[in-house]
Amino acid sequence: MNIQFNEQGLVPAIVQDAHSKEVLTLAYMNEQSLQKTLETKETWFYSRSRQQLWHKGETSGNVQKVVDVRYDCDADALLILVEPKGPACHTGEYSCFHHRLNDEKPVATPNRFAILNVLESLIAEREAKRPEGSYTTYLFEKGIDKIAKKVGEEAAEVIIAAKNRSKEELRWEAADLLYHLLVLLREQRVSLDDVLSVLAERHR
């Protein structure tokens, strides 16, 4: 490994949720923090303001389990793929990048499956922040038995809707099934990309 640290001995590290693909934060690592990250499989950074190493989640409990560490073509920037346990931002937000330069919503993408990406990211955020009153929070707090039960129930309702030849009912029940399936995948740390890659492999 020949990482190009800058004149301060630092390299920028982009932290990304390994499953939702949401960018969580941008921090800096020196050689020591990078080594500790590789050894402990949790993120360690170098605080430029405090001039010392810091272990993400050491006080908050919001640690980041490292899935993979990559570097760019010039070896002067890192990409850290993680499974976050709680919010990444000190404000309590799921991602540090929760502000926009304007108040407008992002322009809709022509990709007709884009809502699945949005939903996957939202579910990841709900798991991290656990906002009160959220149904998604309720599912995560109840755990795998409840989530799996809901997937089974929604699958059965899809079958019933199909047997009833009700297109409207089928649309609603299929949407419920997809939502609960995404929650289940998040709980199991399986990304939608993982599932799509299986489909692509089968197609080949």
Protein backbone atom coordinates (compact mmCIF):
# COMPACT_ATOMS: atom_id res chain seq x y z
CA MET A 1 0.00 0.00 0.00
CA ASN A 2 1.50 3.32 -1.08
CA ILE A 3 -0.98 5.96 0.08
CA GLN A 4 0.04 9.52 -0.77
CA PHE A 5 -0.34 11.53 2.44
CA ASN A 6 -0.18 15.32 2.06
CA GLU A 7 2.41 17.62 3.60
CA GLN A 8 0.57 17.46 6.93
CA GLY A 9 0.71 13.67 6.80
CA LEU A 10 -3.02 13.38 6.13
CA VAL A 11 -5.27 11.84 3.50
CA PRO A 12 -9.00 12.63 3.01
CA ALA A 13 -11.32 9.70 3.77
CA ILE A 14 -14.84 9.56 2.36
CA VAL A 15 -17.07 7.35 4.51
CA GLN A 16 -19.96 5.63 2.73
CA ASP A 17 -22.72 3.34 3.97
CA ALA A 18 -21.79 0.00 2.39
CA HIS A 19 -25.41 -0.92 1.75
CA SER A 20 -27.45 2.23 1.10
CA LYS A 21 -24.46 3.88 -0.67
CA GLU A 22 -25.18 7.14 1.16
CA VAL A 23 -22.09 9.29 1.74
CA LEU A 24 -21.90 9.72 5.51
CA THR A 25 -18.97 12.02 6.15
CA LEU A 26 -15.60 13.32 5.01
CA ALA A 27 -12.77 13.08 7.53
CA TYR A 28 -9.00 12.78 7.52
CA MET A 29 -6.64 9.96 8.39
CA ASN A 30 -2.95 9.87 9.07
CA GLU A 31 -0.85 6.74 8.76
CA GLN A 32 -1.53 5.70 12.36
CA SER A 33 -5.32 6.12 12.20
CA LEU A 34 -5.45 4.27 8.89
CA GLN A 35 -3.48 1.41 10.41
CA LYS A 36 -5.80 1.28 13.44
CA THR A 37 -8.81 1.30 11.11
CA LEU A 38 -7.43 -1.69 9.22
CA GLU A 39 -6.53 -3.53 12.43
CA THR A 40 -9.72 -2.91 14.44
CA LYS A 41 -12.19 -2.94 11.51
CA GLU A 42 -13.72 0.27 12.90
CA THR A 43 -13.06 3.82 11.70
CA TRP A 44 -10.33 5.91 13.28
CA PHE A 45 -9.56 9.43 12.12
CA TYR A 46 -7.19 12.27 12.84
CA SER A 47 -8.74 15.42 14.29
CA ARG A 48 -7.08 18.48 12.75
CA SER A 49 -8.60 20.77 15.41
CA ARG A 50 -7.56 18.65 18.41
CA GLN A 51 -4.38 17.34 16.78
CA GLN A 52 -5.04 13.78 17.89
CA LEU A 53 -6.53 10.45 16.84
CA TRP A 54 -10.20 9.80 17.46
CA HIS A 55 -12.20 6.60 17.31
CA LYS A 56 -15.59 7.21 15.70
CA GLY A 57 -18.30 6.34 18.22
CA GLU A 58 -15.96 6.11 21.20
CA THR A 59 -18.22 8.36 23.29
CA SER A 60 -21.52 8.23 21.35
CA GLY A 61 -21.51 4.50 20.64
CA ASN A 62 -22.13 5.24 16.95
CA VAL A 63 -19.23 3.15 15.72
CA GLN A 64 -18.69 2.30 12.07
CA LYS A 65 -17.85 -1.28 11.20
CA VAL A 66 -15.47 -1.28 8.25
CA VAL A 67 -16.50 -3.46 5.31
CA ASP A 68 -13.89 -2.34 2.78
CA VAL A 69 -11.18 0.29 2.31
CA ARG A 70 -10.40 1.56 -1.17
CA TYR A 71 -8.17 4.27 -2.60
CA ASP A 72 -8.36 6.27 -5.80
CA CYS A 73 -6.16 6.12 -8.89
CA ASP A 74 -3.71 8.68 -7.49
CA ALA A 75 -3.67 6.97 -4.06
CA ASP A 76 -4.35 10.34 -2.41
CA ALA A 77 -7.94 9.78 -1.25
CA LEU A 78 -9.65 6.93 0.58
CA LEU A 79 -13.14 5.48 0.36
CA ILE A 80 -14.23 3.68 3.53
CA LEU A 81 -17.30 1.44 3.18
CA VAL A 82 -18.94 0.91 6.56
CA GLU A 83 -21.91 -0.49 8.40
CA PRO A 84 -22.84 2.39 10.71
CA LYS A 85 -24.22 1.80 14.18
CA GLY A 86 -26.19 4.99 14.62
CA PRO A 87 -25.89 8.45 13.01
CA ALA A 88 -22.62 9.56 11.45
CA CYS A 89 -23.05 13.27 12.18
CA HIS A 90 -22.46 14.85 15.61
CA THR A 91 -25.80 16.67 15.15
CA GLY A 92 -27.62 13.34 15.21
CA GLU A 93 -28.23 13.25 11.48
CA TYR A 94 -27.66 10.00 9.61
CA SER A 95 -25.23 11.73 7.24
CA CYS A 96 -23.13 14.87 7.65
CA PHE A 97 -24.28 15.85 4.15
CA HIS A 98 -27.87 16.71 5.07
CA HIS A 99 -27.84 20.38 3.94
CA ARG A 100 -28.48 21.62 0.42
CA LEU A 101 -27.31 24.89 -1.11
CA ASN A 102 -30.94 25.58 -2.00
CA ASP A 103 -34.24 24.47 -0.54
CA GLU A 104 -35.41 22.77 -3.70
CA LYS A 105 -35.81 19.04 -3.83
CA PRO A 106 -33.38 17.18 -6.11
CA VAL A 107 -34.42 17.03 -9.74
CA ALA A 108 -36.21 13.77 -10.41
CA THR A 109 -34.11 11.23 -12.25
CA PRO A 110 -35.47 9.53 -15.37
CA ASN A 111 -34.58 6.18 -13.79
CA ARG A 112 -37.95 4.60 -13.07
CA PHE A 113 -36.46 2.55 -10.22
CA ALA A 114 -34.94 5.58 -8.49
CA ILE A 115 -37.56 5.44 -5.72
CA LEU A 116 -36.04 2.14 -4.55
CA ASN A 117 -32.70 3.89 -4.04
CA VAL A 118 -34.42 6.72 -2.18
CA LEU A 119 -36.35 4.27 -0.02
CA GLU A 120 -33.25 2.19 0.74
CA SER A 121 -31.41 5.32 1.90
CA LEU A 122 -34.38 6.48 3.98
CA ILE A 123 -34.64 3.09 5.70
CA ALA A 124 -30.91 3.23 6.49
CA GLU A 125 -31.40 6.70 7.97
CA ARG A 126 -34.36 5.56 10.07
CA GLU A 127 -32.33 2.64 11.44
CA ALA A 128 -29.49 4.96 12.40
CA LYS A 129 -31.53 7.77 13.96
CA ARG A 130 -34.53 5.80 15.30
CA PRO A 131 -36.94 8.79 15.29
CA GLU A 132 -39.93 8.40 17.61
CA GLY A 133 -43.25 7.68 15.94
CA SER A 134 -41.65 6.17 12.84
CA TYR A 135 -43.05 2.81 11.74
CA THR A 136 -39.61 1.88 10.41
CA THR A 137 -38.11 2.59 13.84
CA TYR A 138 -40.79 0.36 15.36
CA LEU A 139 -39.83 -2.50 13.05
CA PHE A 140 -36.10 -2.24 13.80
CA GLU A 141 -36.71 -2.07 17.54
CA LYS A 142 -38.96 -5.14 17.43
CA GLY A 143 -36.27 -7.02 15.53
CA ILE A 144 -35.99 -9.78 12.98
CA ASP A 145 -38.98 -11.84 14.11
CA LYS A 146 -41.38 -8.92 13.61
CA ILE A 147 -39.80 -7.84 10.33
CA ALA A 148 -39.82 -11.36 8.91
CA LYS A 149 -43.43 -11.83 10.01
CA LYS A 150 -44.44 -8.66 8.18
CA VAL A 151 -42.69 -9.81 5.00
CA GLY A 152 -44.64 -13.08 5.20
CA GLU A 153 -47.92 -11.27 5.83
CA GLU A 154 -47.40 -8.86 2.94
CA ALA A 155 -46.43 -11.72 0.60
CA ALA A 156 -49.66 -13.50 1.51
CA GLU A 157 -51.65 -10.32 0.86
CA VAL A 158 -50.02 -9.97 -2.56
CA ILE A 159 -51.17 -13.51 -3.37
CA ILE A 160 -54.71 -12.76 -2.18
CA ALA A 161 -54.85 -9.56 -4.24
CA ALA A 162 -53.69 -11.46 -7.32
CA LYS A 163 -56.28 -14.19 -6.73
CA ASN A 164 -58.94 -11.47 -6.39
CA ARG A 165 -57.88 -10.06 -9.77
CA SER A 166 -57.74 -6.61 -8.16
CA LYS A 167 -55.04 -4.53 -9.83
CA GLU A 168 -55.44 -1.63 -7.40
CA GLU A 169 -55.20 -3.92 -4.39
CA LEU A 170 -52.21 -5.70 -5.95
CA ARG A 171 -50.36 -2.40 -6.50
CA TRP A 172 -50.75 -1.41 -2.85
CA GLU A 173 -49.85 -4.81 -1.45
CA ALA A 174 -46.84 -5.18 -3.75
CA ALA A 175 -45.60 -1.77 -2.58
CA ASP A 176 -45.99 -2.88 1.06
CA LEU A 177 -44.07 -6.06 0.32
CA LEU A 178 -41.20 -4.20 -1.34
CA TYR A 179 -40.94 -1.78 1.58
CA HIS A 180 -40.85 -4.54 4.20
CA LEU A 181 -38.39 -6.54 2.09
CA LEU A 182 -36.04 -3.54 2.02
CA VAL A 183 -36.31 -3.26 5.80
CA LEU A 184 -35.46 -6.95 6.10
CA LEU A 185 -32.47 -6.56 3.79
CA ARG A 186 -31.21 -3.63 5.87
CA GLU A 187 -31.57 -5.60 9.10
CA GLN A 188 -29.57 -8.43 7.54
CA ARG A 189 -26.96 -6.05 6.07
CA VAL A 190 -27.73 -7.10 2.50
CA SER A 191 -27.93 -4.27 -0.02
CA LEU A 192 -30.31 -3.99 -2.93
CA ASP A 193 -27.22 -4.06 -5.14
CA ASP A 194 -26.37 -7.49 -3.72
CA VAL A 195 -29.76 -8.80 -4.79
CA LEU A 196 -29.57 -7.17 -8.22
CA SER A 197 -26.13 -8.70 -8.78
CA VAL A 198 -27.64 -12.16 -8.25
CA LEU A 199 -30.31 -11.39 -10.86
CA ALA A 200 -27.65 -10.14 -13.27
CA GLU A 201 -25.58 -13.27 -12.74
CA ARG A 202 -28.58 -15.49 -13.35
CA HIS A 203 -29.37 -13.57 -16.52
CA ARG A 204 -25.85 -14.16 -17.82
